[in-house]
Protein backbone atom coordinates (compact mmCIF):
# COMPACT_ATOMS: atom_id res chain seq x y z
CA MET A 1 13.79 -14.56 -13.14
CA PRO A 2 9.47 -14.19 -13.76
CA PRO A 3 8.25 -10.51 -12.47
CA SER A 4 6.54 -10.75 -8.69
CA ARG A 5 2.78 -11.33 -9.20
CA ASN A 6 2.87 -9.38 -5.64
CA VAL A 7 1.11 -6.25 -4.98
CA ASP A 8 3.00 -3.72 -2.20
CA VAL A 9 2.12 -0.92 -0.61
CA ALA A 10 4.00 1.00 2.18
CA ALA A 11 1.92 2.55 4.17
CA GLY A 12 2.04 5.02 7.80
CA SER A 13 3.29 7.72 9.24
CA SER A 14 6.74 8.58 7.70
CA GLU A 15 9.26 8.52 10.35
CA ARG A 16 12.18 10.46 9.09
CA ASP A 17 11.51 9.40 5.08
CA ALA A 18 10.88 5.41 6.21
CA TYR A 19 7.47 4.20 6.65
CA ARG A 20 6.80 2.37 9.48
CA GLU A 21 4.37 -0.60 7.81
CA HIS A 22 4.61 -2.40 4.05
CA ARG A 23 2.50 -4.81 3.60
CA THR A 24 2.34 -7.37 0.67
CA ARG A 25 -0.01 -9.45 -1.13
CA PRO A 26 -0.42 -12.03 -4.10
CA LEU A 27 -2.58 -10.03 -7.29
CA GLY A 28 -6.14 -10.88 -7.92
CA LYS A 29 -6.13 -10.81 -3.63
CA PRO A 30 -7.38 -7.92 -1.73
CA LEU A 31 -5.48 -5.50 -0.19
CA THR A 32 -6.08 -3.38 2.86
CA LEU A 33 -4.86 0.11 2.26
CA PRO A 34 -5.07 1.69 6.08
CA GLU A 35 -6.04 5.57 7.15
CA PRO A 36 -6.75 7.54 5.76
CA PHE A 37 -8.19 5.82 3.06
CA GLU A 38 -9.44 2.51 4.57
CA PHE A 39 -10.58 0.24 2.40
CA ASP A 40 -9.91 -3.10 0.95
CA LEU A 41 -8.27 -2.29 -2.97
CA ASP A 42 -9.66 -4.97 -5.15
CA THR A 43 -5.90 -6.21 -7.73
CA ALA A 44 -7.88 -8.67 -9.96
CA ASP A 45 -8.10 -6.04 -12.39
CA PHE A 46 -4.71 -5.41 -11.78
CA LEU A 47 -3.81 -8.84 -13.50
């Protein structure tokens, strides 16, 4: 099976060692990071 071409981020405050939000975006597409960072991460450089 070929490797995943996605970017994953677990975000939000930790609650019992689990994050409340999980985001997956295709590589090459911007990934919006939540507080405290609050910016769009350009994932095109990861290709």
